[in-house]
Amino acid sequence: MTQQTEPASSSVSPSVRSIWFDRRELEQILWAYGKLVAEGECRDYAIGAFRDHAAFCMHKRTSDAPTWTVEKWPELARRQGAYSLTNASGLILKRGHELGQVLRFFDKRRFDVVD
């Protein structure tokens, strides 16, 4: 008597949906990133979509850890705000309900060097 087994693919849970940035959000993020590239603060980026959040990482150098990371956490939308901006050490620099408000962190002239 032989025992029949189901294929491995049928035992895997249904496809898990990932969280993504929508087009409007990406336009805002890429505008801020472009400004940082023009100022010489960033040279590379990476986008990640995970089951519980989306991340846009901005790198000063390709081989370095991300200098800034913009994250979208929909589960925090009603509490602290779905969007956050963190630095390379993981410190949350800004958090809010609207992405534009979080990205205003880069509007400050914090990159100007006084001789």
PDB file of N, CA and C in Angstrom:
ATOM      1  N   MET A   1       0.838  -1.158   0.000  1.00  0.00           N
ATOM      2  CA  MET A   1       0.000   0.000   0.000  1.00  0.00           C
ATOM      3  C   MET A   1       0.895   1.237   0.000  1.00  0.00           C
ATOM      4  N   THR A   2       0.658   2.154  -0.918  1.00  0.00           N
ATOM      5  CA  THR A   2       1.465   3.368  -1.011  1.00  0.00           C
ATOM      6  C   THR A   2       0.708   4.532  -0.416  1.00  0.00           C
ATOM      7  N   GLN A   3       1.455   5.423   0.156  1.00  0.00           N
ATOM      8  CA  GLN A   3       0.849   6.607   0.771  1.00  0.00           C
ATOM      9  C   GLN A   3       1.026   7.782  -0.179  1.00  0.00           C
ATOM     10  N   GLN A   4      -0.043   8.489  -0.448  1.00  0.00           N
ATOM     11  CA  GLN A   4       0.033   9.642  -1.342  1.00  0.00           C
ATOM     12  C   GLN A   4       0.249  10.900  -0.508  1.00  0.00           C
ATOM     13  N   THR A   5       1.128  11.742  -0.997  1.00  0.00           N
ATOM     14  CA  THR A   5       1.376  13.021  -0.319  1.00  0.00           C
ATOM     15  C   THR A   5       0.993  14.149  -1.242  1.00  0.00           C
ATOM     16  N   GLU A   6       0.579  15.219  -0.644  1.00  0.00           N
ATOM     17  CA  GLU A   6       0.228  16.402  -1.427  1.00  0.00           C
ATOM     18  C   GLU A   6       1.488  17.136  -1.818  1.00  0.00           C
ATOM     19  N   PRO A   7       1.478  17.821  -2.958  1.00  0.00           N
ATOM     20  CA  PRO A   7       2.641  18.615  -3.336  1.00  0.00           C
ATOM     21  C   PRO A   7       2.923  19.684  -2.286  1.00  0.00           C
ATOM     22  N   ALA A   8       4.177  20.065  -2.174  1.00  0.00           N
ATOM     23  CA  ALA A   8       4.590  21.048  -1.161  1.00  0.00           C
ATOM     24  C   ALA A   8       3.892  22.388  -1.347  1.00  0.00           C
ATOM     25  N   SER A   9       3.589  22.758  -2.588  1.00  0.00           N
ATOM     26  CA  SER A   9       2.994  24.070  -2.835  1.00  0.00           C
ATOM     27  C   SER A   9       1.591  24.192  -2.253  1.00  0.00           C
ATOM     28  N   SER A  10       0.861  23.097  -2.136  1.00  0.00           N
ATOM     29  CA  SER A  10      -0.490  23.189  -1.599  1.00  0.00           C
ATOM     30  C   SER A  10      -0.506  23.354  -0.084  1.00  0.00           C
ATOM     31  N   SER A  11       0.584  22.982   0.585  1.00  0.00           N
ATOM     32  CA  SER A  11       0.624  23.121   2.039  1.00  0.00           C
ATOM     33  C   SER A  11       1.061  24.512   2.483  1.00  0.00           C
ATOM     34  N   VAL A  12       1.536  25.320   1.554  1.00  0.00           N
ATOM     35  CA  VAL A  12       1.963  26.681   1.872  1.00  0.00           C
ATOM     36  C   VAL A  12       0.730  27.568   1.953  1.00  0.00           C
ATOM     37  N   SER A  13       0.723  28.479   2.918  1.00  0.00           N
ATOM     38  CA  SER A  13      -0.416  29.379   3.071  1.00  0.00           C
ATOM     39  C   SER A  13      -0.602  30.217   1.815  1.00  0.00           C
ATOM     40  N   PRO A  14      -1.788  30.748   1.601  1.00  0.00           N
ATOM     41  CA  PRO A  14      -2.029  31.578   0.423  1.00  0.00           C
ATOM     42  C   PRO A  14      -1.047  32.751   0.388  1.00  0.00           C
ATOM     43  N   SER A  15      -0.859  33.281  -0.788  1.00  0.00           N
ATOM     44  CA  SER A  15       0.135  34.344  -0.954  1.00  0.00           C
ATOM     45  C   SER A  15      -0.101  35.485   0.031  1.00  0.00           C
ATOM     46  N   VAL A  16       0.976  35.907   0.641  1.00  0.00           N
ATOM     47  CA  VAL A  16       0.914  36.973   1.627  1.00  0.00           C
ATOM     48  C   VAL A  16       1.096  38.297   0.896  1.00  0.00           C
ATOM     49  N   ARG A  17       0.213  39.226   1.152  1.00  0.00           N
ATOM     50  CA  ARG A  17       0.275  40.525   0.493  1.00  0.00           C
ATOM     51  C   ARG A  17       1.321  41.388   1.162  1.00  0.00           C
ATOM     52  N   SER A  18       2.045  42.134   0.357  1.00  0.00           N
ATOM     53  CA  SER A  18       3.061  43.045   0.861  1.00  0.00           C
ATOM     54  C   SER A  18       2.521  44.466   0.891  1.00  0.00           C
ATOM     55  N   ILE A  19       3.082  45.274   1.766  1.00  0.00           N
ATOM     56  CA  ILE A  19       2.745  46.691   1.845  1.00  0.00           C
ATOM     57  C   ILE A  19       3.657  47.430   0.878  1.00  0.00           C
ATOM     58  N   TRP A  20       3.093  48.308   0.074  1.00  0.00           N
ATOM     59  CA  TRP A  20       3.846  49.094  -0.905  1.00  0.00           C
ATOM     60  C   TRP A  20       3.530  50.572  -0.739  1.00  0.00           C
ATOM     61  N   PHE A  21       4.412  51.415  -1.259  1.00  0.00           N
ATOM     62  CA  PHE A  21       4.119  52.837  -1.390  1.00  0.00           C
ATOM     63  C   PHE A  21       3.294  53.002  -2.650  1.00  0.00           C
ATOM     64  N   ASP A  22       2.282  53.881  -2.608  1.00  0.00           N
ATOM     65  CA  ASP A  22       1.525  54.142  -3.838  1.00  0.00           C
ATOM     66  C   ASP A  22       2.263  55.196  -4.672  1.00  0.00           C
ATOM     67  N   ARG A  23       1.736  55.496  -5.819  1.00  0.00           N
ATOM     68  CA  ARG A  23       2.407  56.391  -6.759  1.00  0.00           C
ATOM     69  C   ARG A  23       2.637  57.785  -6.175  1.00  0.00           C
ATOM     70  N   ARG A  24       1.628  58.326  -5.513  1.00  0.00           N
ATOM     71  CA  ARG A  24       1.745  59.665  -4.918  1.00  0.00           C
ATOM     72  C   ARG A  24       2.833  59.691  -3.851  1.00  0.00           C
ATOM     73  N   GLU A  25       2.861  58.663  -3.029  1.00  0.00           N
ATOM     74  CA  GLU A  25       3.877  58.575  -1.981  1.00  0.00           C
ATOM     75  C   GLU A  25       5.278  58.473  -2.583  1.00  0.00           C
ATOM     76  N   LEU A  26       5.424  57.648  -3.613  1.00  0.00           N
ATOM     77  CA  LEU A  26       6.735  57.515  -4.255  1.00  0.00           C
ATOM     78  C   LEU A  26       7.187  58.818  -4.898  1.00  0.00           C
ATOM     79  N   GLU A  27       6.264  59.559  -5.477  1.00  0.00           N
ATOM     80  CA  GLU A  27       6.630  60.858  -6.060  1.00  0.00           C
ATOM     81  C   GLU A  27       7.190  61.789  -4.996  1.00  0.00           C
ATOM     82  N   GLN A  28       6.552  61.833  -3.834  1.00  0.00           N
ATOM     83  CA  GLN A  28       7.022  62.693  -2.748  1.00  0.00           C
ATOM     84  C   GLN A  28       8.392  62.237  -2.240  1.00  0.00           C
ATOM     85  N   ILE A  29       8.555  60.945  -2.070  1.00  0.00           N
ATOM     86  CA  ILE A  29       9.824  60.415  -1.574  1.00  0.00           C
ATOM     87  C   ILE A  29      10.943  60.654  -2.577  1.00  0.00           C
ATOM     88  N   LEU A  30      10.675  60.397  -3.851  1.00  0.00           N
ATOM     89  CA  LEU A  30      11.704  60.588  -4.881  1.00  0.00           C
ATOM     90  C   LEU A  30      12.063  62.062  -5.050  1.00  0.00           C
ATOM     91  N   TRP A  31      11.109  62.969  -4.808  1.00  0.00           N
ATOM     92  CA  TRP A  31      11.426  64.394  -4.862  1.00  0.00           C
ATOM     93  C   TRP A  31      12.423  64.744  -3.758  1.00  0.00           C
ATOM     94  N   ALA A  32      12.164  64.265  -2.546  1.00  0.00           N
ATOM     95  CA  ALA A  32      13.080  64.518  -1.424  1.00  0.00           C
ATOM     96  C   ALA A  32      14.428  63.857  -1.681  1.00  0.00           C
ATOM     97  N   TYR A  33      14.408  62.639  -2.205  1.00  0.00           N
ATOM     98  CA  TYR A  33      15.655  61.934  -2.510  1.00  0.00           C
ATOM     99  C   TYR A  33      16.448  62.690  -3.584  1.00  0.00           C
ATOM    100  N   GLY A  34      15.773  63.182  -4.608  1.00  0.00           N
ATOM    101  CA  GLY A  34      16.441  63.945  -5.667  1.00  0.00           C
ATOM    102  C   GLY A  34      17.116  65.191  -5.130  1.00  0.00           C
ATOM    103  N   LYS A  35      16.467  65.828  -4.164  1.00  0.00           N
ATOM    104  CA  LYS A  35      17.056  67.008  -3.539  1.00  0.00           C
ATOM    105  C   LYS A  35      18.339  66.636  -2.786  1.00  0.00           C
ATOM    106  N   LEU A  36      18.311  65.501  -2.107  1.00  0.00           N
ATOM    107  CA  LEU A  36      19.498  65.044  -1.379  1.00  0.00           C
ATOM    108  C   LEU A  36      20.620  64.642  -2.337  1.00  0.00           C
ATOM    109  N   VAL A  37      20.275  64.087  -3.478  1.00  0.00           N
ATOM    110  CA  VAL A  37      21.282  63.741  -4.486  1.00  0.00           C
ATOM    111  C   VAL A  37      21.923  65.019  -5.025  1.00  0.00           C
ATOM    112  N   ALA A  38      21.116  66.032  -5.298  1.00  0.00           N
ATOM    113  CA  ALA A  38      21.641  67.304  -5.801  1.00  0.00           C
ATOM    114  C   ALA A  38      22.566  67.971  -4.786  1.00  0.00           C
ATOM    115  N   GLU A  39      22.297  67.776  -3.500  1.00  0.00           N
ATOM    116  CA  GLU A  39      23.131  68.354  -2.446  1.00  0.00           C
ATOM    117  C   GLU A  39      24.351  67.485  -2.140  1.00  0.00           C
ATOM    118  N   GLY A  40      24.439  66.311  -2.776  1.00  0.00           N
ATOM    119  CA  GLY A  40      25.572  65.422  -2.549  1.00  0.00           C
ATOM    120  C   GLY A  40      25.449  64.579  -1.299  1.00  0.00           C
ATOM    121  N   GLU A  41      24.258  64.511  -0.705  1.00  0.00           N
ATOM    122  CA  GLU A  41      24.052  63.753   0.529  1.00  0.00           C
ATOM    123  C   GLU A  41      23.715  62.289   0.274  1.00  0.00           C
ATOM    124  N   CYS A  42      23.190  61.960  -0.891  1.00  0.00           N
ATOM    125  CA  CYS A  42      22.819  60.583  -1.222  1.00  0.00           C
ATOM    126  C   CYS A  42      23.292  60.226  -2.620  1.00  0.00           C
ATOM    127  N   ARG A  43      23.564  58.942  -2.798  1.00  0.00           N
ATOM    128  CA  ARG A  43      23.973  58.457  -4.114  1.00  0.00           C
ATOM    129  C   ARG A  43      23.223  57.212  -4.560  1.00  0.00           C
ATOM    130  N   ASP A  44      22.530  56.562  -3.647  1.00  0.00           N
ATOM    131  CA  ASP A  44      21.862  55.312  -3.985  1.00  0.00           C
ATOM    132  C   ASP A  44      20.622  55.151  -3.106  1.00  0.00           C
ATOM    133  N   TYR A  45      19.710  54.298  -3.549  1.00  0.00           N
ATOM    134  CA  TYR A  45      18.510  54.026  -2.750  1.00  0.00           C
ATOM    135  C   TYR A  45      18.102  52.568  -2.915  1.00  0.00           C
ATOM    136  N   ALA A  46      17.244  52.112  -2.034  1.00  0.00           N
ATOM    137  CA  ALA A  46      16.678  50.767  -2.098  1.00  0.00           C
ATOM    138  C   ALA A  46      15.237  50.836  -1.609  1.00  0.00           C
ATOM    139  N   ILE A  47      14.390  50.037  -2.237  1.00  0.00           N
ATOM    140  CA  ILE A  47      12.980  49.981  -1.848  1.00  0.00           C
ATOM    141  C   ILE A  47      12.672  48.564  -1.395  1.00  0.00           C
ATOM    142  N   GLY A  48      11.967  48.439  -0.292  1.00  0.00           N
ATOM    143  CA  GLY A  48      11.574  47.128   0.197  1.00  0.00           C
ATOM    144  C   GLY A  48      10.101  47.084   0.532  1.00  0.00           C
ATOM    145  N   ALA A  49       9.453  45.987   0.186  1.00  0.00           N
ATOM    146  CA  ALA A  49       8.043  45.773   0.521  1.00  0.00           C
ATOM    147  C   ALA A  49       7.963  44.508   1.359  1.00  0.00           C
ATOM    148  N   PHE A  50       7.431  44.643   2.544  1.00  0.00           N
ATOM    149  CA  PHE A  50       7.342  43.523   3.466  1.00  0.00           C
ATOM    150  C   PHE A  50       5.889  43.278   3.839  1.00  0.00           C
ATOM    151  N   ARG A  51       5.645  42.247   4.597  1.00  0.00           N
ATOM    152  CA  ARG A  51       4.278  41.907   4.960  1.00  0.00           C
ATOM    153  C   ARG A  51       3.634  42.975   5.830  1.00  0.00           C
ATOM    154  N   ASP A  52       4.421  43.629   6.701  1.00  0.00           N
ATOM    155  CA  ASP A  52       3.841  44.589   7.630  1.00  0.00           C
ATOM    156  C   ASP A  52       4.237  46.033   7.382  1.00  0.00           C
ATOM    157  N   HIS A  53       5.216  46.289   6.516  1.00  0.00           N
ATOM    158  CA  HIS A  53       5.622  47.672   6.239  1.00  0.00           C
ATOM    159  C   HIS A  53       6.356  47.769   4.904  1.00  0.00           C
ATOM    160  N   ALA A  54       6.505  49.008   4.435  1.00  0.00           N
ATOM    161  CA  ALA A  54       7.293  49.312   3.235  1.00  0.00           C
ATOM    162  C   ALA A  54       8.416  50.244   3.660  1.00  0.00           C
ATOM    163  N   ALA A  55       9.562  50.138   2.974  1.00  0.00           N
ATOM    164  CA  ALA A  55      10.721  50.956   3.342  1.00  0.00           C
ATOM    165  C   ALA A  55      11.399  51.507   2.094  1.00  0.00           C
ATOM    166  N   PHE A  56      11.816  52.760   2.183  1.00  0.00           N
ATOM    167  CA  PHE A  56      12.619  53.409   1.146  1.00  0.00           C
ATOM    168  C   PHE A  56      13.892  53.869   1.838  1.00  0.00           C
ATOM    169  N   CYS A  57      15.012  53.235   1.514  1.00  0.00           N
ATOM    170  CA  CYS A  57      16.291  53.515   2.162  1.00  0.00           C
ATOM    171  C   CYS A  57      17.151  54.387   1.264  1.00  0.00           C
ATOM    172  N   MET A  58      17.719  55.442   1.824  1.00  0.00           N
ATOM    173  CA  MET A  58      18.599  56.358   1.106  1.00  0.00           C
ATOM    174  C   MET A  58      20.019  56.170   1.622  1.00  0.00           C
ATOM    175  N   HIS A  59      20.940  55.906   0.693  1.00  0.00           N
ATOM    176  CA  HIS A  59      22.321  55.614   1.051  1.00  0.00           C
ATOM    177  C   HIS A  59      23.250  56.739   0.611  1.00  0.00           C
ATOM    178  N   LYS A  60      24.177  57.102   1.472  1.00  0.00           N
ATOM    179  CA  LYS A  60      25.194  58.078   1.100  1.00  0.00           C
ATOM    180  C   LYS A  60      26.190  57.439   0.141  1.00  0.00           C
ATOM    181  N   ARG A  61      26.580  56.210   0.417  1.00  0.00           N
ATOM    182  CA  ARG A  61      27.427  55.418  -0.470  1.00  0.00           C
ATOM    183  C   ARG A  61      26.759  54.065  -0.663  1.00  0.00           C
ATOM    184  N   THR A  62      26.970  53.466  -1.807  1.00  0.00           N
ATOM    185  CA  THR A  62      26.315  52.202  -2.117  1.00  0.00           C
ATOM    186  C   THR A  62      26.661  51.119  -1.109  1.00  0.00           C
ATOM    187  N   SER A  63      27.886  51.090  -0.637  1.00  0.00           N
ATOM    188  CA  SER A  63      28.321  50.020   0.261  1.00  0.00           C
ATOM    189  C   SER A  63      27.962  50.275   1.721  1.00  0.00           C
ATOM    190  N   ASP A  64      27.460  51.442   2.050  1.00  0.00           N
ATOM    191  CA  ASP A  64      27.135  51.775   3.436  1.00  0.00           C
ATOM    192  C   ASP A  64      25.710  51.374   3.800  1.00  0.00           C
ATOM    193  N   ALA A  65      25.446  51.369   5.085  1.00  0.00           N
ATOM    194  CA  ALA A  65      24.078  51.190   5.578  1.00  0.00           C
ATOM    195  C   ALA A  65      23.266  52.427   5.200  1.00  0.00           C
ATOM    196  N   PRO A  66      21.951  52.332   5.162  1.00  0.00           N
ATOM    197  CA  PRO A  66      21.152  53.495   4.791  1.00  0.00           C
ATOM    198  C   PRO A  66      21.345  54.664   5.751  1.00  0.00           C
ATOM    199  N   THR A  67      21.504  55.858   5.185  1.00  0.00           N
ATOM    200  CA  THR A  67      21.634  57.063   5.991  1.00  0.00           C
ATOM    201  C   THR A  67      20.273  57.452   6.561  1.00  0.00           C
ATOM    202  N   TRP A  68      19.239  57.376   5.726  1.00  0.00           N
ATOM    203  CA  TRP A  68      17.860  57.653   6.147  1.00  0.00           C
ATOM    204  C   TRP A  68      16.951  56.576   5.587  1.00  0.00           C
ATOM    205  N   THR A  69      15.909  56.266   6.328  1.00  0.00           N
ATOM    206  CA  THR A  69      14.913  55.297   5.877  1.00  0.00           C
ATOM    207  C   THR A  69      13.527  55.864   6.123  1.00  0.00           C
ATOM    208  N   VAL A  70      12.726  55.921   5.053  1.00  0.00           N
ATOM    209  CA  VAL A  70      11.324  56.325   5.156  1.00  0.00           C
ATOM    210  C   VAL A  70      10.514  55.038   5.190  1.00  0.00           C
ATOM    211  N   GLU A  71       9.685  54.886   6.224  1.00  0.00           N
ATOM    212  CA  GLU A  71       8.898  53.670   6.375  1.00  0.00           C
ATOM    213  C   GLU A  71       7.405  53.980   6.449  1.00  0.00           C
ATOM    214  N   LYS A  72       6.638  53.035   5.950  1.00  0.00           N
ATOM    215  CA  LYS A  72       5.176  53.126   5.999  1.00  0.00           C
ATOM    216  C   LYS A  72       4.678  51.912   6.784  1.00  0.00           C
ATOM    217  N   TRP A  73       4.090  52.163   7.947  1.00  0.00           N
ATOM    218  CA  TRP A  73       3.537  51.131   8.816  1.00  0.00           C
ATOM    219  C   TRP A  73       2.026  51.361   8.930  1.00  0.00           C
ATOM    220  N   PRO A  74       1.206  50.757   8.077  1.00  0.00           N
ATOM    221  CA  PRO A  74      -0.243  50.999   8.122  1.00  0.00           C
ATOM    222  C   PRO A  74      -0.888  50.679   9.470  1.00  0.00           C
ATOM    223  N   GLU A  75      -0.344  49.725  10.215  1.00  0.00           N
ATOM    224  CA  GLU A  75      -0.949  49.381  11.505  1.00  0.00           C
ATOM    225  C   GLU A  75      -0.815  50.495  12.534  1.00  0.00           C
ATOM    226  N   LEU A  76       0.093  51.446  12.311  1.00  0.00           N
ATOM    227  CA  LEU A  76       0.262  52.577  13.229  1.00  0.00           C
ATOM    228  C   LEU A  76      -0.485  53.832  12.764  1.00  0.00           C
ATOM    229  N   ALA A  77      -1.248  53.724  11.692  1.00  0.00           N
ATOM    230  CA  ALA A  77      -1.903  54.886  11.093  1.00  0.00           C
ATOM    231  C   ALA A  77      -2.828  55.617  12.064  1.00  0.00           C
ATOM    232  N   ARG A  78      -3.515  54.912  12.897  1.00  0.00           N
ATOM    233  CA  ARG A  78      -4.467  55.563  13.813  1.00  0.00           C
ATOM    234  C   ARG A  78      -3.816  56.032  15.103  1.00  0.00           C
ATOM    235  N   ARG A  79      -2.649  55.541  15.399  1.00  0.00           N
ATOM    236  CA  ARG A  79      -1.989  55.918  16.653  1.00  0.00           C
ATOM    237  C   ARG A  79      -0.953  57.003  16.413  1.00  0.00           C
ATOM    238  N   GLN A  80       0.259  56.611  16.052  1.00  0.00           N
ATOM    239  CA  GLN A  80       1.369  57.558  15.930  1.00  0.00           C
ATOM    240  C   GLN A  80       1.533  58.115  14.532  1.00  0.00           C
ATOM    241  N   GLY A  81       0.886  57.525  13.577  1.00  0.00           N
ATOM    242  CA  GLY A  81       1.038  57.910  12.183  1.00  0.00           C
ATOM    243  C   GLY A  81       1.722  56.800  11.416  1.00  0.00           C
ATOM    244  N   ALA A  82       1.304  56.607  10.181  1.00  0.00           N
ATOM    245  CA  ALA A  82       1.805  55.491   9.388  1.00  0.00           C
ATOM    246  C   ALA A  82       3.225  55.702   8.892  1.00  0.00           C
ATOM    247  N   TYR A  83       3.692  56.941   8.835  1.00  0.00           N
ATOM    248  CA  TYR A  83       4.994  57.235   8.229  1.00  0.00           C
ATOM    249  C   TYR A  83       6.022  57.606   9.285  1.00  0.00           C
ATOM    250  N   SER A  84       7.255  57.148   9.048  1.00  0.00           N
ATOM    251  CA  SER A  84       8.340  57.522   9.947  1.00  0.00           C
ATOM    252  C   SER A  84       9.630  57.669   9.154  1.00  0.00           C
ATOM    253  N   LEU A  85      10.530  58.486   9.690  1.00  0.00           N
ATOM    254  CA  LEU A  85      11.845  58.708   9.106  1.00  0.00           C
ATOM    255  C   LEU A  85      12.874  58.369  10.169  1.00  0.00           C
ATOM    256  N   THR A  86      13.771  57.435   9.852  1.00  0.00           N
ATOM    257  CA  THR A  86      14.808  57.044  10.801  1.00  0.00           C
ATOM    258  C   THR A  86      16.183  57.310  10.211  1.00  0.00           C
ATOM    259  N   ASN A  87      17.166  57.475  11.089  1.00  0.00           N
ATOM    260  CA  ASN A  87      18.539  57.681  10.622  1.00  0.00           C
ATOM    261  C   ASN A  87      19.288  56.351  10.638  1.00  0.00           C
ATOM    262  N   ALA A  88      20.594  56.400  10.366  1.00  0.00           N
ATOM    263  CA  ALA A  88      21.406  55.192  10.239  1.00  0.00           C
ATOM    264  C   ALA A  88      21.478  54.391  11.540  1.00  0.00           C
ATOM    265  N   SER A  89      21.369  55.050  12.665  1.00  0.00           N
ATOM    266  CA  SER A  89      21.450  54.334  13.936  1.00  0.00           C
ATOM    267  C   SER A  89      20.087  53.830  14.418  1.00  0.00           C
ATOM    268  N   GLY A  90      19.021  54.076  13.655  1.00  0.00           N
ATOM    269  CA  GLY A  90      17.691  53.597  14.008  1.00  0.00           C
ATOM    270  C   GLY A  90      16.854  54.570  14.806  1.00  0.00           C
ATOM    271  N   LEU A  91      17.377  55.764  15.054  1.00  0.00           N
ATOM    272  CA  LEU A  91      16.644  56.787  15.796  1.00  0.00           C
ATOM    273  C   LEU A  91      15.535  57.365  14.919  1.00  0.00           C
ATOM    274  N   ILE A  92      14.324  57.417  15.427  1.00  0.00           N
ATOM    275  CA  ILE A  92      13.206  57.987  14.672  1.00  0.00           C
ATOM    276  C   ILE A  92      13.323  59.500  14.730  1.00  0.00           C
ATOM    277  N   LEU A  93      13.535  60.114  13.564  1.00  0.00           N
ATOM    278  CA  LEU A  93      13.712  61.563  13.472  1.00  0.00           C
ATOM    279  C   LEU A  93      12.390  62.292  13.372  1.00  0.00           C
ATOM    280  N   LYS A  94      11.423  61.673  12.691  1.00  0.00           N
ATOM    281  CA  LYS A  94      10.124  62.319  12.484  1.00  0.00           C
ATOM    282  C   LYS A  94       9.093  61.223  12.258  1.00  0.00           C
ATOM    283  N   ARG A  95       7.886  61.433  12.747  1.00  0.00           N
ATOM    284  CA  ARG A  95       6.802  60.481  12.567  1.00  0.00           C
ATOM    285  C   ARG A  95       5.530  61.274  12.353  1.00  0.00           C
ATOM    286  N   GLY A  96       4.631  60.768  11.516  1.00  0.00           N
ATOM    287  CA  GLY A  96       3.403  61.498  11.304  1.00  0.00           C
ATOM    288  C   GLY A  96       2.365  60.742  10.505  1.00  0.00           C
ATOM    289  N   HIS A  97       1.192  61.361  10.415  1.00  0.00           N
ATOM    290  CA  HIS A  97       0.074  60.778   9.684  1.00  0.00           C
ATOM    291  C   HIS A  97       0.147  61.078   8.197  1.00  0.00           C
ATOM    292  N   GLU A  98       0.881  62.128   7.802  1.00  0.00           N
ATOM    293  CA  GLU A  98       1.013  62.496   6.398  1.00  0.00           C
ATOM    294  C   GLU A  98       2.475  62.441   5.990  1.00  0.00           C
ATOM    295  N   LEU A  99       2.728  61.848   4.834  1.00  0.00           N
ATOM    296  CA  LEU A  99       4.099  61.677   4.354  1.00  0.00           C
ATOM    297  C   LEU A  99       4.774  63.015   4.088  1.00  0.00           C
ATOM    298  N   GLY A 100       4.045  63.967   3.530  1.00  0.00           N
ATOM    299  CA  GLY A 100       4.610  65.285   3.257  1.00  0.00           C
ATOM    300  C   GLY A 100       5.144  65.960   4.506  1.00  0.00           C
ATOM    301  N   GLN A 101       4.433  65.806   5.595  1.00  0.00           N
ATOM    302  CA  GLN A 101       4.868  66.384   6.869  1.00  0.00           C
ATOM    303  C   GLN A 101       6.165  65.735   7.354  1.00  0.00           C
ATOM    304  N   VAL A 102       6.276  64.428   7.196  1.00  0.00           N
ATOM    305  CA  VAL A 102       7.483  63.711   7.615  1.00  0.00           C
ATOM    306  C   VAL A 102       8.675  64.115   6.746  1.00  0.00           C
ATOM    307  N   LEU A 103       8.441  64.264   5.455  1.00  0.00           N
ATOM    308  CA  LEU A 103       9.526  64.609   4.538  1.00  0.00           C
ATOM    309  C   LEU A 103       9.967  66.066   4.662  1.00  0.00           C
ATOM    310  N   ARG A 104       9.210  66.888   5.369  1.00  0.00           N
ATOM    311  CA  ARG A 104       9.632  68.279   5.597  1.00  0.00           C
ATOM    312  C   ARG A 104      10.903  68.352   6.423  1.00  0.00           C
ATOM    313  N   PHE A 105      11.274  67.247   7.040  1.00  0.00           N
ATOM    314  CA  PHE A 105      12.548  67.175   7.758  1.00  0.00           C
ATOM    315  C   PHE A 105      13.695  67.594   6.837  1.00  0.00           C
ATOM    316  N   PHE A 106      13.600  67.252   5.559  1.00  0.00           N
ATOM    317  CA  PHE A 106      14.656  67.574   4.602  1.00  0.00           C
ATOM    318  C   PHE A 106      14.558  69.002   4.073  1.00  0.00           C
ATOM    319  N   ASP A 107      13.438  69.696   4.317  1.00  0.00           N
ATOM    320  CA  ASP A 107      13.293  71.075   3.866  1.00  0.00           C
ATOM    321  C   ASP A 107      14.151  72.032   4.671  1.00  0.00           C
ATOM    322  N   LYS A 108      14.431  71.667   5.900  1.00  0.00           N
ATOM    323  CA  LYS A 108      15.256  72.531   6.729  1.00  0.00           C
ATOM    324  C   LYS A 108      16.643  72.633   6.113  1.00  0.00           C
ATOM    325  N   ARG A 109      17.251  73.733   6.235  1.00  0.00           N
ATOM    326  CA  ARG A 109      18.549  73.949   5.598  1.00  0.00           C
ATOM    327  C   ARG A 109      19.667  73.385   6.479  1.00  0.00           C
ATOM    328  N   ARG A 110      19.476  72.159   6.941  1.00  0.00           N
ATOM    329  CA  ARG A 110      20.422  71.545   7.850  1.00  0.00           C
ATOM    330  C   ARG A 110      21.703  71.107   7.167  1.00  0.00           C
ATOM    331  N   PHE A 111      21.750  71.117   5.839  1.00  0.00           N
ATOM    332  CA  PHE A 111      22.939  70.644   5.148  1.00  0.00           C
ATOM    333  C   PHE A 111      23.850  71.785   4.712  1.00  0.00           C
ATOM    334  N   ASP A 112      23.459  73.017   4.970  1.00  0.00           N
ATOM    335  CA  ASP A 112      24.310  74.151   4.611  1.00  0.00           C
ATOM    336  C   ASP A 112      25.511  74.209   5.540  1.00  0.00           C
ATOM    337  N   VAL A 113      26.681  74.370   4.964  1.00  0.00           N
ATOM    338  CA  VAL A 113      27.903  74.452   5.744  1.00  0.00           C
ATOM    339  C   VAL A 113      28.376  75.907   5.760  1.00  0.00           C
ATOM    340  N   VAL A 114      28.622  76.425   6.941  1.00  0.00           N
ATOM    341  CA  VAL A 114      29.093  77.804   7.083  1.00  0.00           C
ATOM    342  C   VAL A 114      30.594  77.752   7.215  1.00  0.00           C
ATOM    343  N   ASP A 115      31.302  78.502   6.368  1.00  0.00           N
ATOM    344  CA  ASP A 115      32.774  78.545   6.425  1.00  0.00           C
ATOM    345  C   ASP A 115      33.270  79.519   7.454  1.00  0.00           C
TER     346      ASP A 115
END
